N, C-alpha and C. Protein backbone atom coordinates (compact mmCIF):
# COMPACT_ATOMS: atom_id res chain seq x y z
N UNK A 1 -32.17 12.10 -1.32
CA UNK A 1 -30.82 11.06 -1.87
C UNK A 1 -30.03 11.55 -2.41
N UNK A 2 -30.28 12.48 -3.64
CA UNK A 2 -28.98 12.83 -3.73
C UNK A 2 -27.68 13.14 -3.14
N UNK A 3 -27.93 14.35 -2.03
CA UNK A 3 -26.91 14.59 -1.55
C UNK A 3 -26.52 14.34 -0.78
N UNK A 4 -27.07 13.10 -0.56
CA UNK A 4 -26.38 12.19 0.55
C UNK A 4 -25.30 11.23 -0.61
N UNK A 5 -25.81 10.61 -2.03
CA UNK A 5 -25.07 10.08 -2.47
C UNK A 5 -23.78 10.57 -3.13
N UNK A 6 -24.29 12.16 -3.28
CA UNK A 6 -22.76 12.98 -3.32
C UNK A 6 -21.49 13.51 -2.51
N UNK A 7 -22.04 12.79 -1.37
CA UNK A 7 -21.28 13.10 -0.13
C UNK A 7 -19.99 12.31 -0.63
N UNK A 8 -18.88 13.09 -0.26
CA UNK A 8 -17.40 12.37 -0.69
C UNK A 8 -17.32 10.96 -0.15
N UNK A 9 -17.88 10.75 1.41
CA UNK A 9 -17.29 9.74 1.93
C UNK A 9 -18.42 8.79 1.38
N UNK A 10 -19.42 8.68 0.98
CA UNK A 10 -20.24 7.32 0.38
C UNK A 10 -19.60 7.09 -1.02
N UNK A 11 -19.31 8.11 -1.63
CA UNK A 11 -18.62 8.21 -3.08
C UNK A 11 -17.46 7.33 -3.08
N UNK A 12 -16.72 7.53 -1.87
CA UNK A 12 -15.40 6.69 -1.51
C UNK A 12 -15.99 5.51 -1.13
N UNK A 13 -17.03 5.04 -0.63
CA UNK A 13 -16.83 3.89 -0.09
C UNK A 13 -17.60 3.23 -1.03
N UNK A 14 -18.44 3.53 -1.94
CA UNK A 14 -18.88 3.21 -3.18
C UNK A 14 -17.80 2.47 -3.68
N UNK A 15 -16.77 3.42 -3.80
CA UNK A 15 -15.45 3.13 -4.95
C UNK A 15 -14.48 2.39 -4.31
N UNK A 16 -14.52 2.02 -3.12
CA UNK A 16 -13.67 1.05 -2.34
C UNK A 16 -14.24 -0.16 -2.77
N UNK A 17 -15.28 -0.29 -2.13
CA UNK A 17 -16.25 -1.24 -2.19
C UNK A 17 -16.30 -2.10 -3.60
N UNK A 18 -17.11 -0.96 -4.79
CA UNK A 18 -16.34 -1.84 -6.29
C UNK A 18 -14.64 -2.01 -6.55
N UNK A 19 -14.13 -1.25 -6.44
CA UNK A 19 -12.45 -1.78 -6.31
C UNK A 19 -12.12 -3.00 -5.57
N UNK A 20 -12.46 -3.68 -5.02
CA UNK A 20 -12.61 -4.97 -3.88
C UNK A 20 -12.63 -5.53 -5.17
N UNK A 21 -12.91 -5.83 -6.21
CA UNK A 21 -13.37 -6.92 -7.12
C UNK A 21 -12.12 -7.03 -8.04
N UNK A 22 -11.79 -5.99 -8.57
CA UNK A 22 -10.74 -5.37 -9.32
C UNK A 22 -9.16 -5.87 -7.95
N UNK A 23 -9.40 -5.29 -6.74
CA UNK A 23 -8.26 -5.65 -6.08
C UNK A 23 -7.89 -7.41 -5.74
N UNK A 24 -9.00 -7.54 -5.89
CA UNK A 24 -8.82 -9.79 -5.65
C UNK A 24 -8.61 -9.73 -7.09
N UNK A 25 -9.01 -9.81 -8.13
CA UNK A 25 -8.46 -10.47 -9.14
C UNK A 25 -7.10 -10.14 -9.69
N UNK A 26 -6.90 -8.85 -9.01
CA UNK A 26 -5.12 -8.48 -9.44
C UNK A 26 -4.27 -8.97 -8.43
N UNK A 27 -4.95 -9.64 -7.03
CA UNK A 27 -3.91 -10.45 -6.26
C UNK A 27 -3.94 -11.74 -6.71
N UNK A 28 -4.83 -12.30 -7.29
CA UNK A 28 -4.72 -13.66 -8.19
C UNK A 28 -3.82 -13.70 -9.08
N UNK A 29 -3.47 -12.46 -9.73
CA UNK A 29 -2.77 -12.17 -11.22
C UNK A 29 -1.89 -12.16 -10.38
N UNK A 30 -1.49 -11.23 -9.41
CA UNK A 30 0.03 -11.02 -9.11
C UNK A 30 0.41 -11.90 -8.52
N UNK A 31 0.04 -13.19 -7.81
CA UNK A 31 0.42 -14.32 -7.35
C UNK A 31 1.16 -15.33 -8.38
N UNK A 32 0.79 -15.16 -9.52
CA UNK A 32 1.14 -16.02 -10.98
C UNK A 32 2.22 -15.15 -11.28
N UNK A 33 3.46 -15.90 -12.35
CA UNK A 33 4.42 -15.20 -12.57
C UNK A 33 4.15 -13.69 -12.83
N UNK A 34 5.06 -12.84 -12.69
CA UNK A 34 4.84 -11.77 -13.41
C UNK A 34 5.50 -11.36 -14.96
N UNK A 35 4.69 -11.06 -15.37
CA UNK A 35 5.37 -10.35 -16.85
C UNK A 35 5.03 -8.83 -16.87
N UNK A 36 6.13 -8.43 -18.16
CA UNK A 36 6.22 -7.14 -18.59
C UNK A 36 5.04 -6.48 -18.68
N UNK A 37 4.90 -5.65 -18.83
CA UNK A 37 3.49 -4.23 -18.55
C UNK A 37 2.39 -5.02 -18.29
N UNK A 38 2.13 -5.71 -17.13
CA UNK A 38 0.85 -6.20 -16.37
C UNK A 38 0.74 -5.19 -15.75
N UNK A 39 1.63 -4.34 -15.17
CA UNK A 39 0.72 -2.97 -13.95
C UNK A 39 -0.12 -2.33 -14.75
N UNK A 40 0.59 -1.72 -15.70
CA UNK A 40 -0.28 -0.62 -16.85
C UNK A 40 -1.55 -1.64 -17.28
N UNK A 41 -1.19 -2.78 -17.96
CA UNK A 41 -2.09 -3.00 -18.79
C UNK A 41 -3.51 -3.22 -17.43
N UNK A 42 -3.49 -3.69 -16.47
CA UNK A 42 -4.33 -4.46 -15.51
C UNK A 42 -5.03 -2.33 -14.56
N UNK A 43 -3.91 -1.80 -14.21
CA UNK A 43 -4.46 -0.53 -13.46
C UNK A 43 -5.44 0.12 -14.61
N UNK A 44 -4.35 0.49 -16.07
CA UNK A 44 -5.35 1.14 -16.85
C UNK A 44 -7.00 0.67 -17.28
N UNK A 45 -7.03 -0.69 -17.62
CA UNK A 45 -7.82 -1.25 -18.24
C UNK A 45 -9.11 -1.26 -17.18
N UNK A 46 -8.90 -1.80 -16.01
CA UNK A 46 -9.61 -2.06 -14.28
C UNK A 46 -10.43 -0.64 -13.95
N UNK A 47 -9.59 0.25 -14.22
CA UNK A 47 -9.78 1.65 -13.73
C UNK A 47 -10.76 2.41 -15.01
N UNK A 48 -10.40 2.27 -16.48
CA UNK A 48 -11.43 2.61 -17.47
C UNK A 48 -12.59 1.96 -17.74
N UNK A 49 -12.71 0.27 -17.14
CA UNK A 49 -14.19 -0.02 -17.00
C UNK A 49 -14.77 0.24 -16.03
N UNK A 50 -14.05 0.67 -15.12
CA UNK A 50 -14.87 1.20 -13.91
C UNK A 50 -15.16 2.31 -13.58
N UNK A 51 -14.40 3.28 -14.72
CA UNK A 51 -15.17 4.44 -14.62
C UNK A 51 -16.33 4.75 -16.06
N UNK A 52 -16.28 4.12 -17.40
CA UNK A 52 -16.71 3.91 -18.18
C UNK A 52 -18.64 3.35 -17.66
N UNK A 53 -18.78 2.00 -16.82
CA UNK A 53 -19.88 1.43 -16.28
C UNK A 53 -20.70 2.01 -15.85
N UNK A 54 -20.31 3.03 -14.55
CA UNK A 54 -21.34 3.67 -13.81
C UNK A 54 -21.89 4.92 -14.97
N UNK A 55 -20.90 5.38 -15.98
CA UNK A 55 -21.79 6.15 -17.45
C UNK A 55 -23.05 5.78 -17.71
N UNK A 56 -22.44 4.72 -18.08
CA UNK A 56 -23.73 3.86 -18.99
C UNK A 56 -24.97 3.44 -18.10
N UNK A 57 -24.59 2.80 -17.09
CA UNK A 57 -25.78 2.49 -16.20
C UNK A 57 -26.62 3.71 -15.70
N UNK A 58 -25.96 5.07 -15.63
CA UNK A 58 -26.78 6.19 -15.65
C UNK A 58 -27.61 6.52 -16.42
N UNK A 59 -27.04 6.21 -17.92
CA UNK A 59 -28.13 6.49 -19.20
C UNK A 59 -29.26 5.83 -19.28
N UNK A 60 -29.07 4.39 -18.65
CA UNK A 60 -30.34 3.31 -18.53
C UNK A 60 -31.00 3.71 -17.40
N UNK A 61 -30.23 4.21 -16.15
CA UNK A 61 -31.34 4.65 -15.34
C UNK A 61 -32.19 6.01 -15.69
N UNK A 62 -31.58 6.96 -16.10
CA UNK A 62 -32.47 8.23 -16.67
C UNK A 62 -33.55 7.63 -17.34
N UNK A 63 -33.08 6.81 -18.10
CA UNK A 63 -34.29 6.20 -19.54
C UNK A 63 -35.38 5.99 -18.45
N UNK A 64 -35.60 5.27 -17.48
CA UNK A 64 -36.08 4.47 -16.83
C UNK A 64 -37.07 4.98 -15.37
N UNK A 65 -36.29 6.50 -15.34
CA UNK A 65 -36.68 7.12 -13.63
C UNK A 65 -38.01 7.57 -13.98
N UNK A 66 -39.01 7.69 -15.13
CA UNK A 66 -40.50 7.89 -15.22
C UNK A 66 -41.36 6.98 -14.57
N UNK A 67 -40.37 5.58 -14.54
CA UNK A 67 -41.43 4.32 -14.28
C UNK A 67 -41.39 4.18 -12.79
N UNK A 68 -39.90 4.40 -12.21
CA UNK A 68 -39.91 4.13 -10.92
C UNK A 68 -39.72 5.30 -10.02
N UNK A 69 -39.93 6.37 -10.28
CA UNK A 69 -39.61 7.61 -9.28
C UNK A 69 -39.70 8.02 -7.90
N UNK A 70 -41.34 7.34 -7.75
CA UNK A 70 -41.33 7.14 -6.33
C UNK A 70 -40.80 5.76 -5.55
N UNK A 71 -40.07 4.76 -6.04
CA UNK A 71 -39.57 4.31 -5.43
C UNK A 71 -37.90 3.72 -5.51
N UNK A 72 -37.90 4.71 -5.85
CA UNK A 72 -36.12 5.01 -6.48
C UNK A 72 -35.22 5.01 -5.29
N UNK A 73 -35.67 5.30 -3.95
CA UNK A 73 -34.81 5.07 -2.94
C UNK A 73 -34.46 3.66 -2.42
N UNK A 74 -35.88 2.62 -2.63
CA UNK A 74 -35.70 1.58 -2.18
C UNK A 74 -35.02 0.57 -3.25
N UNK A 75 -34.99 1.26 -4.48
CA UNK A 75 -34.16 0.05 -5.88
C UNK A 75 -32.86 0.73 -5.67
N UNK A 76 -32.53 2.24 -5.11
CA UNK A 76 -31.34 2.06 -5.19
C UNK A 76 -30.37 1.25 -3.69
N UNK A 77 -31.49 1.25 -2.67
CA UNK A 77 -30.63 0.42 -1.12
C UNK A 77 -30.74 -1.23 -2.05
N UNK A 78 -31.93 -1.80 -2.83
CA UNK A 78 -31.94 -3.26 -3.20
C UNK A 78 -30.85 -3.21 -4.37
N UNK A 79 -30.42 -2.55 -5.06
CA UNK A 79 -29.24 -2.63 -6.07
C UNK A 79 -27.69 -3.04 -5.39
N UNK A 80 -27.96 -1.55 -4.71
CA UNK A 80 -26.90 -1.89 -3.82
C UNK A 80 -26.38 -3.08 -2.92
N UNK A 81 -27.22 -3.28 -2.25
CA UNK A 81 -27.73 -4.54 -1.36
C UNK A 81 -27.30 -5.83 -2.19
N UNK A 82 -28.19 -6.02 -2.83
CA UNK A 82 -27.53 -7.14 -3.64
C UNK A 82 -26.46 -7.54 -3.96
N UNK A 83 -25.26 -6.29 -4.58
CA UNK A 83 -24.41 -6.42 -5.12
C UNK A 83 -23.40 -6.78 -4.03
N UNK A 84 -23.37 -6.08 -2.73
CA UNK A 84 -23.08 -6.29 -1.38
C UNK A 84 -22.96 -8.01 -1.12
N UNK A 85 -24.30 -8.59 -1.42
CA UNK A 85 -24.29 -10.10 -1.11
C UNK A 85 -23.48 -10.47 -1.98
N UNK A 86 -23.68 -10.49 -3.37
CA UNK A 86 -23.28 -11.09 -4.22
C UNK A 86 -21.41 -11.01 -4.00
N UNK A 87 -20.98 -10.05 -3.35
CA UNK A 87 -19.65 -10.05 -3.17
C UNK A 87 -19.20 -10.67 -2.17
N UNK A 88 -20.07 -10.89 -1.08
CA UNK A 88 -20.07 -11.49 0.18
C UNK A 88 -19.97 -13.26 -0.07
N UNK A 89 -21.18 -13.57 -0.98
CA UNK A 89 -21.53 -14.76 -1.82
C UNK A 89 -19.78 -15.10 -2.18
N UNK A 90 -19.33 -14.58 -2.99
CA UNK A 90 -18.37 -14.76 -3.98
C UNK A 90 -17.22 -14.63 -3.05
N UNK A 91 -16.97 -14.00 -2.33
CA UNK A 91 -16.01 -14.31 -1.33
C UNK A 91 -15.73 -15.79 -0.34
N UNK A 92 -16.91 -16.47 -0.31
CA UNK A 92 -17.19 -17.41 0.78
C UNK A 92 -17.27 -18.53 0.00
N UNK A 93 -17.10 -18.54 -1.90
CA UNK A 93 -16.75 -19.70 -2.41
C UNK A 93 -15.26 -20.13 -2.58
N UNK A 94 -14.97 -21.47 -2.74
CA UNK A 94 -13.93 -22.11 -3.03
C UNK A 94 -13.29 -21.50 -4.32
N UNK A 95 -12.16 -21.02 -4.31
CA UNK A 95 -11.20 -20.73 -5.54
C UNK A 95 -10.79 -21.74 -5.75
N UNK A 96 -10.81 -21.37 -7.47
CA UNK A 96 -10.41 -22.41 -8.60
C UNK A 96 -9.01 -22.10 -8.69
N UNK A 97 -8.01 -23.31 -9.30
CA UNK A 97 -6.63 -22.98 -9.52
C UNK A 97 -6.50 -21.97 -10.91
N UNK A 98 -5.49 -21.31 -10.43
CA UNK A 98 -5.65 -20.17 -12.10
C UNK A 98 -4.40 -20.84 -12.71
N UNK A 99 -4.64 -20.52 -14.26
CA UNK A 99 -3.41 -21.29 -15.01
C UNK A 99 -2.10 -20.55 -14.76
N UNK A 100 -0.76 -20.81 -14.99
CA UNK A 100 0.47 -20.32 -14.91
C UNK A 100 0.63 -19.20 -16.77
N UNK A 101 -0.44 -17.97 -16.89
CA UNK A 101 -0.29 -17.73 -17.89
C UNK A 101 -0.08 -16.19 -17.89
N UNK A 102 0.15 -15.06 -18.75
CA UNK A 102 -0.18 -14.05 -18.21
C UNK A 102 -1.74 -13.54 -18.26
N UNK A 103 -2.49 -13.60 -17.44
CA UNK A 103 -4.09 -13.21 -17.86
C UNK A 103 -4.14 -11.65 -18.02
N UNK A 104 -3.49 -10.78 -18.15
CA UNK A 104 -3.25 -9.57 -18.16
C UNK A 104 -3.61 -9.22 -19.69
N UNK A 105 -3.90 -10.08 -20.68
CA UNK A 105 -4.01 -9.52 -22.28
C UNK A 105 -4.93 -10.20 -22.79
N UNK A 106 -5.05 -9.60 -24.01
CA UNK A 106 -6.58 -9.85 -24.65
C UNK A 106 -7.88 -9.87 -24.41
N UNK A 107 -8.37 -11.09 -25.12
CA UNK A 107 -10.20 -10.75 -24.28
C UNK A 107 -10.18 -11.13 -22.99
N UNK A 108 -9.42 -12.33 -22.35
CA UNK A 108 -9.11 -12.70 -21.03
C UNK A 108 -9.42 -11.38 -20.41
N UNK A 109 -8.39 -10.35 -20.59
CA UNK A 109 -8.65 -8.94 -19.80
C UNK A 109 -9.87 -8.32 -19.92
N UNK A 110 -10.25 -8.23 -21.13
CA UNK A 110 -11.53 -7.85 -21.39
C UNK A 110 -12.06 -8.48 -20.93
N UNK A 111 -12.31 -9.66 -20.76
CA UNK A 111 -13.72 -10.43 -20.04
C UNK A 111 -13.56 -10.43 -17.73
N UNK A 112 -12.09 -9.98 -17.67
CA UNK A 112 -12.10 -9.65 -16.39
C UNK A 112 -12.56 -8.36 -16.01
N UNK A 113 -12.46 -7.50 -16.99
CA UNK A 113 -12.54 -5.95 -16.94
C UNK A 113 -14.31 -5.99 -16.92
N UNK A 114 -14.86 -6.55 -17.52
CA UNK A 114 -16.29 -6.46 -17.59
C UNK A 114 -17.19 -7.20 -16.26
N UNK A 115 -16.18 -8.20 -15.94
CA UNK A 115 -16.65 -8.89 -14.99
C UNK A 115 -16.84 -8.39 -13.71
N UNK A 116 -15.48 -7.40 -13.28
CA UNK A 116 -15.17 -6.92 -12.46
C UNK A 116 -16.37 -5.60 -12.35
N UNK A 117 -16.84 -4.90 -13.22
CA UNK A 117 -17.21 -3.53 -13.44
C UNK A 117 -18.89 -3.87 -13.80
N UNK A 118 -19.48 -5.16 -13.52
CA UNK A 118 -21.00 -4.83 -13.84
C UNK A 118 -21.28 -4.51 -12.34
N UNK A 119 -20.91 -4.41 -11.21
CA UNK A 119 -21.23 -4.05 -9.71
C UNK A 119 -21.33 -2.51 -10.36
N UNK A 120 -20.02 -1.99 -11.34
CA UNK A 120 -20.24 -0.20 -11.13
C UNK A 120 -21.19 0.07 -12.32
N UNK A 121 -21.65 -0.83 -12.90
CA UNK A 121 -22.54 -0.59 -14.15
C UNK A 121 -24.02 -0.21 -13.29
N UNK A 122 -24.48 -1.08 -12.30
CA UNK A 122 -25.54 -1.15 -11.49
C UNK A 122 -25.31 -0.08 -10.49
N UNK A 123 -24.60 0.51 -9.96
CA UNK A 123 -24.53 1.73 -9.10
C UNK A 123 -24.80 3.04 -9.92
N UNK A 124 -24.56 2.90 -11.55
CA UNK A 124 -24.54 4.13 -12.10
C UNK A 124 -26.18 4.13 -12.57
N UNK A 125 -26.61 2.63 -12.76
CA UNK A 125 -27.97 2.90 -12.88
C UNK A 125 -29.02 3.55 -11.72
N UNK A 126 -28.36 3.54 -10.16
CA UNK A 126 -28.74 3.96 -9.05
C UNK A 126 -28.81 5.56 -9.67
N UNK A 127 -27.57 6.20 -10.07
CA UNK A 127 -27.12 7.60 -9.83
C UNK A 127 -28.20 7.85 -11.40
N UNK A 128 -28.42 7.35 -12.47
CA UNK A 128 -29.42 7.54 -13.22
C UNK A 128 -30.60 7.85 -12.49
N UNK A 129 -31.12 6.94 -11.62
CA UNK A 129 -32.65 6.85 -11.26
C UNK A 129 -32.80 8.14 -10.11
N UNK A 130 -31.98 8.51 -9.92
CA UNK A 130 -31.85 9.38 -8.46
C UNK A 130 -31.57 10.99 -9.25
N UNK A 131 -31.20 10.70 -10.66
CA UNK A 131 -30.92 11.99 -11.59
C UNK A 131 -29.71 13.11 -11.28
N UNK A 132 -28.68 12.14 -10.33
CA UNK A 132 -27.52 12.48 -10.22
C UNK A 132 -26.70 12.50 -10.87
N UNK A 133 -25.45 13.33 -11.30
CA UNK A 133 -24.54 13.45 -12.44
C UNK A 133 -23.38 12.19 -12.07
N UNK A 134 -23.17 11.84 -13.02
CA UNK A 134 -22.40 10.29 -12.31
C UNK A 134 -20.47 10.84 -12.89
N UNK A 135 -20.34 11.87 -13.21
CA UNK A 135 -19.01 12.32 -14.09
C UNK A 135 -18.18 11.95 -12.63
N UNK A 136 -18.30 12.78 -11.85
CA UNK A 136 -17.56 13.11 -10.36
C UNK A 136 -17.19 11.46 -9.88
N UNK A 137 -18.20 10.62 -9.67
CA UNK A 137 -18.44 9.63 -9.08
C UNK A 137 -17.67 8.69 -10.06
N UNK A 138 -17.90 8.38 -11.10
CA UNK A 138 -17.27 7.54 -12.17
C UNK A 138 -15.79 7.98 -11.96
N UNK A 139 -14.90 9.60 -12.27
CA UNK A 139 -13.71 9.31 -12.24
C UNK A 139 -13.21 9.04 -10.60
N UNK A 140 -14.10 8.87 -9.91
CA UNK A 140 -13.09 8.55 -8.39
C UNK A 140 -13.25 7.05 -8.27
N UNK A 141 -14.63 6.36 -8.53
CA UNK A 141 -14.31 5.25 -8.84
C UNK A 141 -13.20 4.36 -9.89
N UNK A 142 -13.47 4.77 -11.07
CA UNK A 142 -12.23 4.78 -11.70
C UNK A 142 -10.57 5.08 -11.50
N UNK A 143 -10.52 5.75 -10.70
CA UNK A 143 -9.25 5.94 -10.02
C UNK A 143 -9.05 4.86 -8.84
N UNK A 144 -10.02 5.13 -8.14
CA UNK A 144 -9.63 4.11 -7.02
C UNK A 144 -9.32 2.65 -7.32
N UNK A 145 -10.87 2.42 -8.49
CA UNK A 145 -10.24 0.89 -9.11
C UNK A 145 -8.72 0.47 -9.99
N UNK A 146 -8.24 1.55 -10.44
CA UNK A 146 -7.24 1.67 -11.09
C UNK A 146 -6.08 1.39 -9.88
N UNK A 147 -6.34 2.21 -8.59
CA UNK A 147 -4.97 2.11 -8.05
C UNK A 147 -5.03 1.10 -7.02
N UNK A 148 -6.23 0.57 -6.58
CA UNK A 148 -6.83 -0.60 -6.02
C UNK A 148 -6.17 -2.15 -6.73
N UNK A 149 -6.23 -1.91 -8.24
CA UNK A 149 -5.53 -2.87 -8.80
C UNK A 149 -4.12 -3.01 -8.44
N UNK A 150 -3.15 -1.89 -8.73
CA UNK A 150 -1.82 -1.96 -8.80
C UNK A 150 -1.50 -2.14 -7.73
N UNK A 151 -2.26 -1.80 -6.23
CA UNK A 151 -1.76 -2.30 -5.29
C UNK A 151 -1.70 -3.85 -4.89
N UNK A 152 -2.96 -4.37 -5.61
CA UNK A 152 -3.46 -5.84 -5.16
C UNK A 152 -2.57 -7.11 -6.42
N UNK A 153 -1.81 -6.02 -7.39
CA UNK A 153 -0.93 -6.70 -8.27
C UNK A 153 0.02 -7.21 -7.06
N UNK A 154 0.80 -5.69 -6.79
CA UNK A 154 2.02 -5.92 -6.14
C UNK A 154 2.03 -6.78 -4.98
N UNK A 155 0.99 -6.55 -3.81
CA UNK A 155 0.97 -7.47 -3.11
C UNK A 155 0.52 -8.88 -3.20
N UNK A 156 -0.07 -9.08 -4.28
CA UNK A 156 -0.55 -10.53 -4.52
C UNK A 156 0.35 -11.96 -4.25
N UNK A 157 1.68 -11.43 -4.72
CA UNK A 157 2.75 -12.63 -4.52
C UNK A 157 2.84 -13.08 -2.87
N UNK A 158 2.71 -11.99 -2.15
CA UNK A 158 3.14 -11.94 -0.32
C UNK A 158 1.88 -12.11 0.38
N UNK A 159 0.49 -11.49 -0.36
CA UNK A 159 -0.63 -11.87 0.29
C UNK A 159 -2.26 -12.69 0.21
N UNK A 160 -2.23 -12.94 -1.18
CA UNK A 160 -3.46 -13.30 -1.43
C UNK A 160 -4.28 -14.30 -0.89
N UNK A 161 -3.34 -15.16 -0.03
CA UNK A 161 -3.64 -15.66 0.24
C UNK A 161 -4.39 -15.50 1.91
N UNK A 162 -4.12 -15.01 2.47
CA UNK A 162 -4.35 -14.14 3.48
C UNK A 162 -5.74 -13.14 3.42
N UNK A 163 -5.11 -12.39 2.67
CA UNK A 163 -5.87 -10.96 2.20
C UNK A 163 -7.01 -10.68 1.13
N UNK A 164 -6.92 -11.70 0.28
CA UNK A 164 -7.76 -12.09 -0.80
C UNK A 164 -9.55 -12.03 -0.34
N UNK A 165 -9.69 -13.09 0.56
CA UNK A 165 -11.13 -13.25 0.93
C UNK A 165 -11.44 -12.07 2.00
N UNK A 166 -10.52 -11.45 2.52
CA UNK A 166 -10.63 -10.26 3.44
C UNK A 166 -11.26 -9.32 2.90
N UNK A 167 -10.38 -8.80 2.32
CA UNK A 167 -11.05 -7.90 1.11
C UNK A 167 -11.93 -7.77 0.31
N UNK A 168 -12.68 -8.74 -0.09
CA UNK A 168 -13.57 -9.24 -0.61
C UNK A 168 -14.71 -9.08 0.34
N UNK A 169 -14.88 -9.81 1.61
CA UNK A 169 -15.57 -9.88 2.77
C UNK A 169 -15.91 -7.92 3.00
N UNK A 170 -15.17 -7.52 3.44
CA UNK A 170 -15.09 -5.73 3.76
C UNK A 170 -15.83 -4.98 2.53
N UNK A 171 -15.26 -5.57 1.04
CA UNK A 171 -16.08 -4.27 0.44
C UNK A 171 -17.60 -4.90 0.24
N UNK A 172 -17.92 -6.40 0.40
CA UNK A 172 -19.68 -6.44 0.21
C UNK A 172 -20.00 -6.18 1.83
N UNK A 173 -19.39 -6.08 2.88
CA UNK A 173 -19.80 -5.68 3.92
C UNK A 173 -20.10 -3.86 3.74
N UNK A 174 -19.34 -3.42 3.24
CA UNK A 174 -19.33 -2.19 2.74
C UNK A 174 -20.62 -1.38 2.09
N UNK A 175 -20.65 -2.32 1.13
CA UNK A 175 -21.86 -1.84 -0.03
C UNK A 175 -23.11 -2.36 0.87
N UNK A 176 -23.43 -2.94 1.75
CA UNK A 176 -24.32 -3.58 2.57
C UNK A 176 -24.34 -2.38 3.47
N UNK A 177 -23.75 -1.57 4.12
CA UNK A 177 -23.55 -0.63 5.03
C UNK A 177 -24.38 0.77 4.49
N UNK A 178 -23.71 0.75 2.95
CA UNK A 178 -24.41 2.12 2.15
C UNK A 178 -26.15 1.59 1.55
N UNK A 179 -26.00 0.60 1.64
CA UNK A 179 -27.67 0.14 1.16
C UNK A 179 -28.40 0.39 2.47
N UNK A 180 -28.32 -0.34 3.46
CA UNK A 180 -28.84 0.19 4.74
C UNK A 180 -29.34 1.71 5.21
N UNK A 181 -28.18 2.38 4.97
CA UNK A 181 -28.27 3.96 4.93
C UNK A 181 -29.46 4.73 3.71
N UNK A 182 -29.45 3.63 2.62
CA UNK A 182 -30.27 4.35 1.56
C UNK A 182 -31.47 3.84 1.93
N UNK A 183 -31.54 3.04 2.73
CA UNK A 183 -32.89 2.44 2.75
C UNK A 183 -33.68 3.30 3.60
N UNK A 184 -32.92 3.80 4.37
CA UNK A 184 -33.45 4.52 5.93
C UNK A 184 -33.63 5.91 5.69
N UNK A 185 -33.57 5.96 3.98
CA UNK A 185 -34.09 7.51 3.51
C UNK A 185 -35.27 7.85 3.19
């Protein structure tokens, strides 16, 4: 299973799926009034949190691997599948109206970063369970999330209403596809 998870296409698929939340949030923020420094704050912080969460998750996964070694591929498929289902569920929920203020500052930014990177923590747990080095995937996940958040921010004003839900659905379906492939191992 580790060989499949180390595959560049799997890592990119996971990174894009995980970056969908940061992209969607950035679309929403981009639809609000632009503020100075917003692009740097969002791109840097979303990327940073998406980088560190798989590392933390991996450490937790390595600590529990002896308990669940024989079921690791089912656990990995289940965790990634649940993340994909959660993303799909969230994309079908009614959107709440956003406030007109800079959402890329302070504790609000930290809470957005944590909320959008919890999925990366779960993916890191899978890396730890299958005893895979999380460094390369974490770098890719962080860079992709940073890039996707910047693209989302800049496209937000024009495409949010049409593209926001579609990218969340695509991210959820992508994770479900990865989960099915892992379950088949």
